[in-house]
């Protein structure tokens, strides 16, 4: 247990038997009365956002998660099968545990799976990933590099903005933190 004033961005805390990731914190000191800690939290199951205020004297339970590297294998019905890269044990994860990680599911990609008390609670994709462009508008002749980007749908169904020179069938590298195009992958 820690004081509410010690809550920091990135921490995992437990409230009412649910786990939350701290996205933002702000220490508020009113002119009169007790100081408060304003937080923006994301529930790990369900991905919902919550704004919660704590009094400075309140105590919060900080949780530490175990992480394991697991390789994505395939989809089986509504579940996705991952394999531990060290022990070769397999685990099935549902879409609510995968959260935003579902946008990057391609075979053989290694994900970081967060575990709490032996149960998966979150999935983190690698920082960058290579995906094939399935659908995009054709190249506009005379378009300059400073011209606006065009939307492209990738093999996983994710749609991002790409430069004009990218065409269908190209493999591109994207940043998974903000779904931004980085470069065309070397073939």
N, C-alpha and C. Protein backbone atom coordinates (compact mmCIF):
# COMPACT_ATOMS: atom_id res chain seq x y z
N UNK A 1 0.84 -1.18 0.00
CA UNK A 1 0.00 0.00 0.00
C UNK A 1 0.89 1.25 0.00
N UNK A 2 0.50 2.21 -0.83
CA UNK A 2 1.24 3.47 -0.90
C UNK A 2 0.25 4.62 -0.69
N UNK A 3 0.78 5.79 -0.33
CA UNK A 3 -0.06 6.98 -0.21
C UNK A 3 -0.51 7.40 -1.60
N UNK A 4 -1.67 8.00 -1.69
CA UNK A 4 -2.20 8.44 -2.98
C UNK A 4 -1.27 9.46 -3.64
N UNK A 5 -0.53 10.21 -2.85
CA UNK A 5 0.39 11.20 -3.43
C UNK A 5 1.59 10.56 -4.12
N UNK A 6 1.80 9.27 -3.91
CA UNK A 6 2.92 8.56 -4.54
C UNK A 6 2.53 7.86 -5.85
N UNK A 7 1.27 7.98 -6.23
CA UNK A 7 0.81 7.36 -7.48
C UNK A 7 1.43 8.11 -8.65
N UNK A 8 2.02 7.36 -9.59
CA UNK A 8 2.69 7.94 -10.74
C UNK A 8 2.19 7.32 -12.03
N UNK A 9 2.38 8.03 -13.12
CA UNK A 9 2.00 7.56 -14.45
C UNK A 9 2.70 6.23 -14.75
N UNK A 10 1.93 5.27 -15.29
CA UNK A 10 2.46 3.97 -15.65
C UNK A 10 2.27 2.90 -14.59
N UNK A 11 2.00 3.29 -13.36
CA UNK A 11 1.79 2.32 -12.28
C UNK A 11 0.50 1.52 -12.52
N UNK A 12 0.45 0.33 -11.95
CA UNK A 12 -0.75 -0.49 -11.94
C UNK A 12 -1.24 -0.50 -10.50
N UNK A 13 -2.51 -0.11 -10.30
CA UNK A 13 -3.07 -0.10 -8.95
C UNK A 13 -4.33 -0.95 -8.93
N UNK A 14 -4.70 -1.38 -7.71
CA UNK A 14 -5.89 -2.23 -7.54
C UNK A 14 -6.92 -1.45 -6.75
N UNK A 15 -8.12 -1.33 -7.34
CA UNK A 15 -9.26 -0.67 -6.68
C UNK A 15 -10.46 -1.58 -6.80
N UNK A 16 -11.10 -1.89 -5.69
CA UNK A 16 -12.31 -2.71 -5.68
C UNK A 16 -12.16 -3.98 -6.52
N UNK A 17 -11.09 -4.70 -6.34
CA UNK A 17 -10.80 -5.97 -7.02
C UNK A 17 -10.62 -5.86 -8.52
N UNK A 18 -10.37 -4.66 -9.04
CA UNK A 18 -10.06 -4.46 -10.46
C UNK A 18 -8.68 -3.81 -10.58
N UNK A 19 -8.00 -4.11 -11.68
CA UNK A 19 -6.68 -3.52 -11.92
C UNK A 19 -6.81 -2.35 -12.89
N UNK A 20 -6.07 -1.27 -12.59
CA UNK A 20 -6.09 -0.06 -13.40
C UNK A 20 -4.67 0.40 -13.67
N UNK A 21 -4.44 0.89 -14.88
CA UNK A 21 -3.16 1.51 -15.21
C UNK A 21 -3.33 3.02 -15.09
N UNK A 22 -2.37 3.68 -14.44
CA UNK A 22 -2.42 5.12 -14.26
C UNK A 22 -1.92 5.79 -15.54
N UNK A 23 -2.78 6.58 -16.18
CA UNK A 23 -2.41 7.27 -17.42
C UNK A 23 -1.93 8.69 -17.15
N UNK A 24 -2.56 9.37 -16.19
CA UNK A 24 -2.19 10.75 -15.86
C UNK A 24 -2.40 10.97 -14.37
N UNK A 25 -1.58 11.86 -13.81
CA UNK A 25 -1.77 12.26 -12.41
C UNK A 25 -1.61 13.77 -12.30
N UNK A 26 -2.31 14.35 -11.35
CA UNK A 26 -2.20 15.78 -11.09
C UNK A 26 -2.45 16.00 -9.61
N UNK A 27 -1.51 16.67 -8.95
CA UNK A 27 -1.64 16.96 -7.53
C UNK A 27 -2.34 18.30 -7.40
N UNK A 28 -3.48 18.33 -6.72
CA UNK A 28 -4.29 19.54 -6.57
C UNK A 28 -4.24 19.98 -5.12
N UNK A 29 -3.84 21.24 -4.90
CA UNK A 29 -3.81 21.79 -3.56
C UNK A 29 -4.76 22.98 -3.51
N UNK A 30 -5.98 22.77 -3.01
CA UNK A 30 -6.92 23.90 -2.94
C UNK A 30 -6.49 24.88 -1.85
N UNK A 31 -7.02 26.07 -1.93
CA UNK A 31 -6.68 27.09 -0.92
C UNK A 31 -7.12 26.70 0.47
N UNK A 32 -8.19 25.96 0.53
CA UNK A 32 -8.72 25.55 1.83
C UNK A 32 -9.08 24.07 1.75
N UNK A 33 -8.72 23.31 2.72
CA UNK A 33 -9.06 21.90 2.73
C UNK A 33 -7.86 21.03 2.40
N UNK A 34 -8.13 19.74 2.21
CA UNK A 34 -7.08 18.76 1.96
C UNK A 34 -6.61 18.77 0.52
N UNK A 35 -5.36 18.39 0.32
CA UNK A 35 -4.82 18.22 -1.04
C UNK A 35 -5.43 16.95 -1.65
N UNK A 36 -5.53 16.96 -2.97
CA UNK A 36 -6.11 15.83 -3.70
C UNK A 36 -5.16 15.36 -4.78
N UNK A 37 -5.31 14.11 -5.15
CA UNK A 37 -4.57 13.55 -6.27
C UNK A 37 -5.60 13.17 -7.33
N UNK A 38 -5.63 13.92 -8.44
CA UNK A 38 -6.53 13.66 -9.55
C UNK A 38 -5.84 12.68 -10.49
N UNK A 39 -6.51 11.58 -10.83
CA UNK A 39 -5.89 10.57 -11.71
C UNK A 39 -6.82 10.21 -12.86
N UNK A 40 -6.21 9.83 -13.96
CA UNK A 40 -6.95 9.26 -15.08
C UNK A 40 -6.46 7.82 -15.16
N UNK A 41 -7.39 6.87 -15.03
CA UNK A 41 -7.06 5.45 -14.97
C UNK A 41 -7.71 4.70 -16.12
N UNK A 42 -7.02 3.66 -16.60
CA UNK A 42 -7.60 2.77 -17.62
C UNK A 42 -7.73 1.39 -17.01
N UNK A 43 -8.95 0.89 -17.00
CA UNK A 43 -9.21 -0.45 -16.46
C UNK A 43 -8.58 -1.48 -17.39
N UNK A 44 -7.81 -2.41 -16.86
CA UNK A 44 -7.12 -3.40 -17.69
C UNK A 44 -8.08 -4.36 -18.36
N UNK A 45 -9.17 -4.74 -17.71
CA UNK A 45 -10.19 -5.58 -18.34
C UNK A 45 -11.28 -4.67 -18.86
N UNK A 46 -11.44 -4.60 -20.16
CA UNK A 46 -12.48 -3.77 -20.73
C UNK A 46 -11.98 -2.46 -21.28
N UNK A 47 -10.80 -2.03 -20.89
CA UNK A 47 -10.15 -0.84 -21.44
C UNK A 47 -10.93 0.46 -21.21
N UNK A 48 -11.82 0.54 -20.22
CA UNK A 48 -12.58 1.76 -19.98
C UNK A 48 -11.74 2.77 -19.20
N UNK A 49 -12.00 4.05 -19.41
CA UNK A 49 -11.28 5.12 -18.73
C UNK A 49 -12.09 5.66 -17.56
N UNK A 50 -11.39 6.03 -16.49
CA UNK A 50 -12.03 6.55 -15.29
C UNK A 50 -11.21 7.71 -14.75
N UNK A 51 -11.89 8.78 -14.34
CA UNK A 51 -11.25 9.89 -13.63
C UNK A 51 -11.58 9.72 -12.16
N UNK A 52 -10.54 9.55 -11.34
CA UNK A 52 -10.77 9.30 -9.91
C UNK A 52 -9.89 10.24 -9.10
N UNK A 53 -10.49 10.81 -8.05
CA UNK A 53 -9.75 11.67 -7.12
C UNK A 53 -9.52 10.92 -5.82
N UNK A 54 -8.31 11.05 -5.32
CA UNK A 54 -7.95 10.47 -4.03
C UNK A 54 -7.58 11.60 -3.08
N UNK A 55 -7.98 11.48 -1.81
CA UNK A 55 -7.48 12.41 -0.79
C UNK A 55 -6.02 12.06 -0.53
N UNK A 56 -5.23 13.04 -0.19
CA UNK A 56 -3.79 12.81 -0.03
C UNK A 56 -3.46 11.78 1.05
N UNK A 57 -4.32 11.60 2.02
CA UNK A 57 -4.05 10.63 3.09
C UNK A 57 -4.54 9.23 2.77
N UNK A 58 -5.29 9.06 1.67
CA UNK A 58 -5.78 7.73 1.29
C UNK A 58 -4.62 6.84 0.89
N UNK A 59 -4.83 5.53 1.07
CA UNK A 59 -3.81 4.55 0.69
C UNK A 59 -4.34 3.74 -0.48
N UNK A 60 -3.44 3.44 -1.41
CA UNK A 60 -3.78 2.73 -2.64
C UNK A 60 -2.87 1.51 -2.75
N UNK A 61 -3.43 0.40 -3.24
CA UNK A 61 -2.63 -0.82 -3.40
C UNK A 61 -1.95 -0.82 -4.77
N UNK A 62 -0.62 -0.78 -4.74
CA UNK A 62 0.15 -0.86 -5.98
C UNK A 62 0.38 -2.33 -6.33
N UNK A 63 0.26 -2.66 -7.61
CA UNK A 63 0.38 -4.05 -8.07
C UNK A 63 1.57 -4.13 -9.02
N UNK A 64 2.32 -5.20 -8.90
CA UNK A 64 3.43 -5.44 -9.81
C UNK A 64 3.08 -6.63 -10.70
N UNK A 65 3.20 -6.44 -12.00
CA UNK A 65 2.85 -7.48 -12.95
C UNK A 65 4.09 -8.22 -13.42
N UNK A 66 3.91 -9.50 -13.68
CA UNK A 66 4.97 -10.31 -14.27
C UNK A 66 4.78 -10.25 -15.79
N UNK A 67 5.87 -10.14 -16.53
CA UNK A 67 5.75 -10.12 -17.99
C UNK A 67 6.45 -11.33 -18.58
N UNK A 68 5.85 -11.88 -19.63
CA UNK A 68 6.48 -12.99 -20.35
C UNK A 68 6.38 -12.73 -21.84
N UNK A 69 7.43 -13.16 -22.53
CA UNK A 69 7.46 -13.03 -23.98
C UNK A 69 6.71 -14.22 -24.58
N UNK A 70 5.70 -13.92 -25.41
CA UNK A 70 4.92 -14.99 -26.03
C UNK A 70 4.73 -14.69 -27.51
N UNK A 71 4.83 -15.73 -28.30
CA UNK A 71 4.71 -15.62 -29.75
C UNK A 71 3.27 -15.94 -30.17
N UNK A 72 2.71 -15.08 -31.03
CA UNK A 72 1.36 -15.32 -31.52
C UNK A 72 1.40 -16.42 -32.56
N UNK A 73 0.50 -17.41 -32.42
CA UNK A 73 0.46 -18.53 -33.35
C UNK A 73 -0.71 -18.46 -34.32
N UNK A 74 -1.95 -18.49 -33.79
CA UNK A 74 -3.12 -18.52 -34.66
C UNK A 74 -4.38 -18.19 -33.87
N UNK A 75 -5.49 -18.00 -34.61
CA UNK A 75 -6.80 -17.75 -34.01
C UNK A 75 -7.60 -19.04 -34.02
N UNK A 76 -8.26 -19.31 -32.90
CA UNK A 76 -9.10 -20.49 -32.78
C UNK A 76 -10.46 -20.04 -32.26
N UNK A 77 -11.41 -19.87 -33.17
CA UNK A 77 -12.72 -19.35 -32.79
C UNK A 77 -12.59 -17.89 -32.38
N UNK A 78 -13.06 -17.57 -31.16
CA UNK A 78 -12.95 -16.20 -30.67
C UNK A 78 -11.71 -16.00 -29.80
N UNK A 79 -10.87 -17.02 -29.70
CA UNK A 79 -9.65 -16.94 -28.89
C UNK A 79 -8.41 -16.94 -29.78
N UNK A 80 -7.32 -16.39 -29.22
CA UNK A 80 -6.06 -16.32 -29.94
C UNK A 80 -5.01 -17.09 -29.16
N UNK A 81 -4.26 -17.93 -29.85
CA UNK A 81 -3.31 -18.83 -29.20
C UNK A 81 -1.90 -18.24 -29.26
N UNK A 82 -1.27 -18.17 -28.08
CA UNK A 82 0.10 -17.67 -27.93
C UNK A 82 0.96 -18.78 -27.34
N UNK A 83 2.27 -18.75 -27.64
CA UNK A 83 3.20 -19.75 -27.11
C UNK A 83 4.32 -19.04 -26.36
N UNK A 84 4.61 -19.52 -25.16
CA UNK A 84 5.72 -19.00 -24.38
C UNK A 84 7.02 -19.35 -25.11
N UNK A 85 7.86 -18.34 -25.35
CA UNK A 85 9.08 -18.57 -26.14
C UNK A 85 10.16 -19.34 -25.38
N UNK A 86 10.01 -19.48 -24.06
CA UNK A 86 11.00 -20.22 -23.28
C UNK A 86 10.56 -21.64 -22.96
N UNK A 87 9.28 -21.79 -22.54
CA UNK A 87 8.81 -23.10 -22.11
C UNK A 87 7.98 -23.83 -23.17
N UNK A 88 7.59 -23.12 -24.23
CA UNK A 88 6.76 -23.66 -25.31
C UNK A 88 5.34 -24.01 -24.86
N UNK A 89 4.94 -23.53 -23.67
CA UNK A 89 3.56 -23.71 -23.22
C UNK A 89 2.66 -22.78 -24.04
N UNK A 90 1.44 -23.24 -24.32
CA UNK A 90 0.52 -22.43 -25.08
C UNK A 90 -0.57 -21.87 -24.18
N UNK A 91 -1.07 -20.68 -24.55
CA UNK A 91 -2.11 -20.00 -23.78
C UNK A 91 -3.10 -19.37 -24.76
N UNK A 92 -4.39 -19.48 -24.44
CA UNK A 92 -5.43 -18.86 -25.27
C UNK A 92 -5.88 -17.57 -24.59
N UNK A 93 -5.93 -16.48 -25.37
CA UNK A 93 -6.36 -15.19 -24.85
C UNK A 93 -7.60 -14.71 -25.60
N UNK A 94 -8.50 -14.08 -24.88
CA UNK A 94 -9.70 -13.53 -25.49
C UNK A 94 -9.43 -12.10 -25.97
N UNK A 95 -10.35 -11.58 -26.76
CA UNK A 95 -10.17 -10.25 -27.33
C UNK A 95 -10.20 -9.14 -26.28
N UNK A 96 -10.92 -9.32 -25.16
CA UNK A 96 -10.93 -8.27 -24.15
C UNK A 96 -9.59 -8.17 -23.43
N UNK A 97 -8.85 -9.27 -23.31
CA UNK A 97 -7.50 -9.22 -22.72
C UNK A 97 -6.53 -8.60 -23.72
N UNK A 98 -6.70 -8.89 -25.00
CA UNK A 98 -5.81 -8.36 -26.03
C UNK A 98 -5.92 -6.85 -26.18
N UNK A 99 -7.11 -6.29 -25.99
CA UNK A 99 -7.29 -4.85 -26.11
C UNK A 99 -6.84 -4.35 -27.47
N UNK A 100 -6.04 -3.28 -27.49
CA UNK A 100 -5.54 -2.71 -28.74
C UNK A 100 -4.51 -3.59 -29.43
N UNK A 101 -3.96 -4.55 -28.72
CA UNK A 101 -2.98 -5.46 -29.32
C UNK A 101 -3.54 -6.29 -30.45
N UNK A 102 -4.86 -6.39 -30.52
CA UNK A 102 -5.49 -7.19 -31.57
C UNK A 102 -5.22 -6.62 -32.96
N UNK A 103 -4.91 -5.33 -33.04
CA UNK A 103 -4.64 -4.69 -34.33
C UNK A 103 -3.32 -5.14 -34.95
N UNK A 104 -2.49 -5.84 -34.19
CA UNK A 104 -1.15 -6.21 -34.66
C UNK A 104 -0.94 -7.72 -34.73
N UNK A 105 -1.99 -8.50 -34.60
CA UNK A 105 -1.85 -9.95 -34.56
C UNK A 105 -1.52 -10.52 -35.93
N UNK A 106 -0.27 -10.88 -36.10
CA UNK A 106 0.17 -11.61 -37.28
C UNK A 106 1.03 -12.77 -36.77
N UNK A 107 0.98 -13.91 -37.43
CA UNK A 107 1.72 -15.08 -36.95
C UNK A 107 3.21 -14.79 -36.75
N UNK A 108 3.76 -15.38 -35.70
CA UNK A 108 5.18 -15.35 -35.36
C UNK A 108 5.66 -14.05 -34.72
N UNK A 109 4.79 -13.07 -34.48
CA UNK A 109 5.19 -11.84 -33.81
C UNK A 109 5.21 -12.11 -32.30
N UNK A 110 6.27 -11.63 -31.63
CA UNK A 110 6.43 -11.85 -30.20
C UNK A 110 5.85 -10.66 -29.44
N UNK A 111 4.93 -10.95 -28.53
CA UNK A 111 4.26 -9.94 -27.70
C UNK A 111 4.72 -10.09 -26.26
N UNK A 112 4.61 -9.02 -25.49
CA UNK A 112 4.88 -9.05 -24.06
C UNK A 112 3.53 -9.17 -23.35
N UNK A 113 3.31 -10.29 -22.67
CA UNK A 113 2.05 -10.55 -21.99
C UNK A 113 2.22 -10.23 -20.51
N UNK A 114 1.34 -9.38 -19.97
CA UNK A 114 1.39 -9.02 -18.56
C UNK A 114 0.50 -9.98 -17.78
N UNK A 115 1.05 -10.54 -16.70
CA UNK A 115 0.35 -11.53 -15.89
C UNK A 115 0.19 -11.02 -14.46
N UNK A 116 -0.97 -11.30 -13.87
CA UNK A 116 -1.21 -10.98 -12.47
C UNK A 116 -1.81 -12.22 -11.82
N UNK A 117 -1.14 -12.74 -10.82
CA UNK A 117 -1.55 -13.95 -10.11
C UNK A 117 -1.81 -15.10 -11.07
N UNK A 118 -0.94 -15.24 -12.07
CA UNK A 118 -1.01 -16.34 -13.02
C UNK A 118 -2.02 -16.17 -14.13
N UNK A 119 -2.72 -15.03 -14.18
CA UNK A 119 -3.72 -14.79 -15.22
C UNK A 119 -3.29 -13.62 -16.10
N UNK A 120 -3.49 -13.73 -17.41
CA UNK A 120 -3.12 -12.63 -18.30
C UNK A 120 -4.06 -11.44 -18.12
N UNK A 121 -3.48 -10.23 -18.04
CA UNK A 121 -4.30 -9.03 -17.88
C UNK A 121 -4.04 -7.99 -18.95
N UNK A 122 -2.97 -8.16 -19.73
CA UNK A 122 -2.67 -7.18 -20.77
C UNK A 122 -1.68 -7.71 -21.78
N UNK A 123 -1.70 -7.11 -22.96
CA UNK A 123 -0.82 -7.52 -24.05
C UNK A 123 -0.16 -6.27 -24.63
N UNK A 124 1.16 -6.30 -24.75
CA UNK A 124 1.90 -5.20 -25.36
C UNK A 124 2.59 -5.69 -26.62
N UNK A 125 2.26 -5.09 -27.77
CA UNK A 125 2.93 -5.49 -29.02
C UNK A 125 4.35 -4.94 -29.03
N UNK A 126 5.19 -5.41 -29.96
CA UNK A 126 6.53 -4.81 -30.08
C UNK A 126 6.41 -3.34 -30.48
N UNK A 127 7.46 -2.55 -30.26
CA UNK A 127 7.42 -1.10 -30.56
C UNK A 127 7.14 -0.84 -32.04
N UNK A 128 7.75 -1.65 -32.91
CA UNK A 128 7.51 -1.50 -34.35
C UNK A 128 7.12 -2.86 -34.91
N UNK A 129 6.32 -2.82 -35.96
CA UNK A 129 5.86 -4.06 -36.58
C UNK A 129 5.73 -3.82 -38.07
N UNK A 130 5.98 -4.88 -38.84
CA UNK A 130 5.85 -4.80 -40.29
C UNK A 130 4.55 -5.46 -40.72
N UNK A 131 3.74 -4.70 -41.49
CA UNK A 131 2.46 -5.20 -41.97
C UNK A 131 2.32 -4.90 -43.45
N UNK A 132 1.60 -5.76 -44.14
CA UNK A 132 1.38 -5.62 -45.58
C UNK A 132 0.18 -4.72 -45.85
N UNK A 133 0.30 -3.84 -46.86
CA UNK A 133 -0.79 -2.96 -47.26
C UNK A 133 -1.74 -3.76 -48.14
N UNK A 134 -2.99 -3.91 -47.69
CA UNK A 134 -4.00 -4.66 -48.44
C UNK A 134 -4.76 -3.77 -49.41
N UNK A 135 -5.06 -2.54 -48.98
CA UNK A 135 -5.88 -1.67 -49.82
C UNK A 135 -5.49 -0.22 -49.59
N UNK A 136 -5.29 0.52 -50.69
CA UNK A 136 -5.02 1.95 -50.62
C UNK A 136 -5.31 2.58 -51.97
N UNK A 137 -5.45 3.88 -51.98
CA UNK A 137 -5.71 4.60 -53.23
C UNK A 137 -4.46 4.53 -54.11
N UNK A 138 -4.62 4.59 -55.44
CA UNK A 138 -3.45 4.55 -56.31
C UNK A 138 -2.60 5.81 -56.18
N UNK A 139 -1.35 5.71 -56.64
CA UNK A 139 -0.39 6.81 -56.60
C UNK A 139 -0.90 7.96 -57.46
N UNK A 140 -0.86 9.16 -56.90
CA UNK A 140 -1.29 10.33 -57.65
C UNK A 140 -0.08 10.95 -58.34
N UNK A 141 -0.08 10.97 -59.66
CA UNK A 141 1.03 11.52 -60.41
C UNK A 141 1.16 13.01 -60.10
N UNK A 142 2.38 13.42 -59.85
CA UNK A 142 2.63 14.82 -59.54
C UNK A 142 2.50 15.14 -58.06
N UNK A 143 2.14 14.16 -57.24
CA UNK A 143 2.04 14.41 -55.80
C UNK A 143 3.44 14.56 -55.22
N UNK A 144 3.65 15.58 -54.45
CA UNK A 144 4.96 15.82 -53.86
C UNK A 144 5.04 15.14 -52.50
N UNK A 145 6.26 15.10 -51.98
CA UNK A 145 6.46 14.46 -50.68
C UNK A 145 5.72 15.23 -49.58
N UNK A 146 5.57 16.53 -49.77
CA UNK A 146 4.89 17.33 -48.75
C UNK A 146 3.37 17.26 -48.89
N UNK A 147 2.89 16.56 -49.93
CA UNK A 147 1.44 16.42 -50.12
C UNK A 147 0.85 15.62 -48.97
N UNK A 148 -0.45 15.70 -48.83
CA UNK A 148 -1.10 15.00 -47.74
C UNK A 148 -0.99 13.48 -47.92
N UNK A 149 -1.09 12.79 -46.81
CA UNK A 149 -1.04 11.34 -46.82
C UNK A 149 -2.38 10.78 -47.26
N UNK A 150 -2.39 9.48 -47.53
CA UNK A 150 -3.63 8.80 -47.91
C UNK A 150 -3.86 7.64 -46.95
N UNK A 151 -5.12 7.22 -46.76
CA UNK A 151 -5.38 6.10 -45.86
C UNK A 151 -5.02 4.77 -46.53
N UNK A 152 -4.54 3.84 -45.71
CA UNK A 152 -4.22 2.49 -46.19
C UNK A 152 -4.73 1.48 -45.17
N UNK A 153 -5.37 0.42 -45.68
CA UNK A 153 -5.84 -0.66 -44.81
C UNK A 153 -4.79 -1.76 -44.84
N UNK A 154 -4.35 -2.18 -43.66
CA UNK A 154 -3.29 -3.18 -43.55
C UNK A 154 -3.88 -4.58 -43.39
N UNK A 155 -3.04 -5.60 -43.44
CA UNK A 155 -3.49 -6.99 -43.42
C UNK A 155 -4.29 -7.37 -42.18
N UNK A 156 -4.13 -6.65 -41.08
CA UNK A 156 -4.87 -6.97 -39.85
C UNK A 156 -6.17 -6.19 -39.74
N UNK A 157 -6.45 -5.33 -40.73
CA UNK A 157 -7.66 -4.51 -40.70
C UNK A 157 -7.43 -3.11 -40.18
N UNK A 158 -6.24 -2.84 -39.65
CA UNK A 158 -5.87 -1.52 -39.14
C UNK A 158 -5.75 -0.54 -40.31
N UNK A 159 -6.30 0.66 -40.16
CA UNK A 159 -6.19 1.70 -41.18
C UNK A 159 -5.33 2.83 -40.64
N UNK A 160 -4.28 3.19 -41.38
CA UNK A 160 -3.40 4.29 -41.00
C UNK A 160 -3.15 5.18 -42.22
N UNK A 161 -2.57 6.35 -41.99
CA UNK A 161 -2.19 7.24 -43.08
C UNK A 161 -0.77 6.94 -43.51
N UNK A 162 -0.57 6.85 -44.84
CA UNK A 162 0.74 6.55 -45.41
C UNK A 162 1.06 7.57 -46.49
N UNK A 163 2.34 7.72 -46.85
CA UNK A 163 2.71 8.64 -47.94
C UNK A 163 2.12 8.18 -49.28
N UNK A 164 2.07 9.10 -50.23
CA UNK A 164 1.45 8.84 -51.53
C UNK A 164 2.13 7.71 -52.31
N UNK A 165 3.44 7.49 -52.13
CA UNK A 165 4.15 6.49 -52.93
C UNK A 165 3.89 5.04 -52.51
N UNK A 166 3.24 4.83 -51.38
CA UNK A 166 2.95 3.47 -50.91
C UNK A 166 1.81 2.90 -51.76
N UNK A 167 1.99 1.65 -52.19
CA UNK A 167 0.97 1.00 -53.02
C UNK A 167 0.56 -0.33 -52.39
N UNK A 168 -0.53 -0.90 -52.92
CA UNK A 168 -1.01 -2.18 -52.42
C UNK A 168 0.07 -3.24 -52.60
N UNK A 169 0.23 -4.08 -51.58
CA UNK A 169 1.24 -5.14 -51.63
C UNK A 169 2.54 -4.75 -50.95
N UNK A 170 2.78 -3.45 -50.70
CA UNK A 170 3.99 -3.01 -50.00
C UNK A 170 3.93 -3.47 -48.55
N UNK A 171 5.09 -3.75 -47.99
CA UNK A 171 5.20 -4.06 -46.57
C UNK A 171 5.78 -2.82 -45.91
N UNK A 172 5.08 -2.30 -44.89
CA UNK A 172 5.53 -1.09 -44.23
C UNK A 172 5.78 -1.35 -42.75
N UNK A 173 6.61 -0.51 -42.16
CA UNK A 173 6.92 -0.60 -40.72
C UNK A 173 6.14 0.53 -40.03
N UNK A 174 5.41 0.19 -38.96
CA UNK A 174 4.66 1.20 -38.22
C UNK A 174 5.05 1.18 -36.74
N UNK A 175 4.84 2.31 -36.09
CA UNK A 175 5.07 2.46 -34.66
C UNK A 175 3.77 2.07 -33.96
N UNK A 176 3.79 1.05 -33.11
CA UNK A 176 2.57 0.56 -32.47
C UNK A 176 2.09 1.46 -31.34
N UNK A 177 2.93 2.37 -30.86
CA UNK A 177 2.49 3.25 -29.78
C UNK A 177 1.45 4.25 -30.25
N UNK A 178 1.57 4.72 -31.51
CA UNK A 178 0.62 5.71 -32.00
C UNK A 178 0.12 5.42 -33.41
N UNK A 179 0.33 4.20 -33.90
CA UNK A 179 -0.14 3.77 -35.23
C UNK A 179 0.33 4.70 -36.34
N UNK A 180 1.59 5.08 -36.30
CA UNK A 180 2.15 5.98 -37.32
C UNK A 180 3.06 5.20 -38.26
N UNK A 181 3.01 5.59 -39.53
CA UNK A 181 3.88 5.03 -40.56
C UNK A 181 5.31 5.47 -40.25
N UNK A 182 6.28 4.54 -40.33
CA UNK A 182 7.67 4.87 -40.13
C UNK A 182 8.45 4.83 -41.45
N UNK A 183 8.36 3.69 -42.16
CA UNK A 183 9.09 3.54 -43.41
C UNK A 183 8.58 2.31 -44.16
N UNK A 184 9.00 2.23 -45.42
CA UNK A 184 8.70 1.04 -46.20
C UNK A 184 9.75 0.01 -45.80
N UNK A 185 9.31 -1.22 -45.53
CA UNK A 185 10.24 -2.28 -45.10
C UNK A 185 11.05 -2.77 -46.30
N UNK A 186 12.27 -3.17 -46.01
CA UNK A 186 13.15 -3.72 -47.06
C UNK A 186 12.69 -5.13 -47.40
N UNK A 187 12.54 -5.40 -48.68
CA UNK A 187 12.10 -6.74 -49.09
C UNK A 187 13.27 -7.59 -49.51
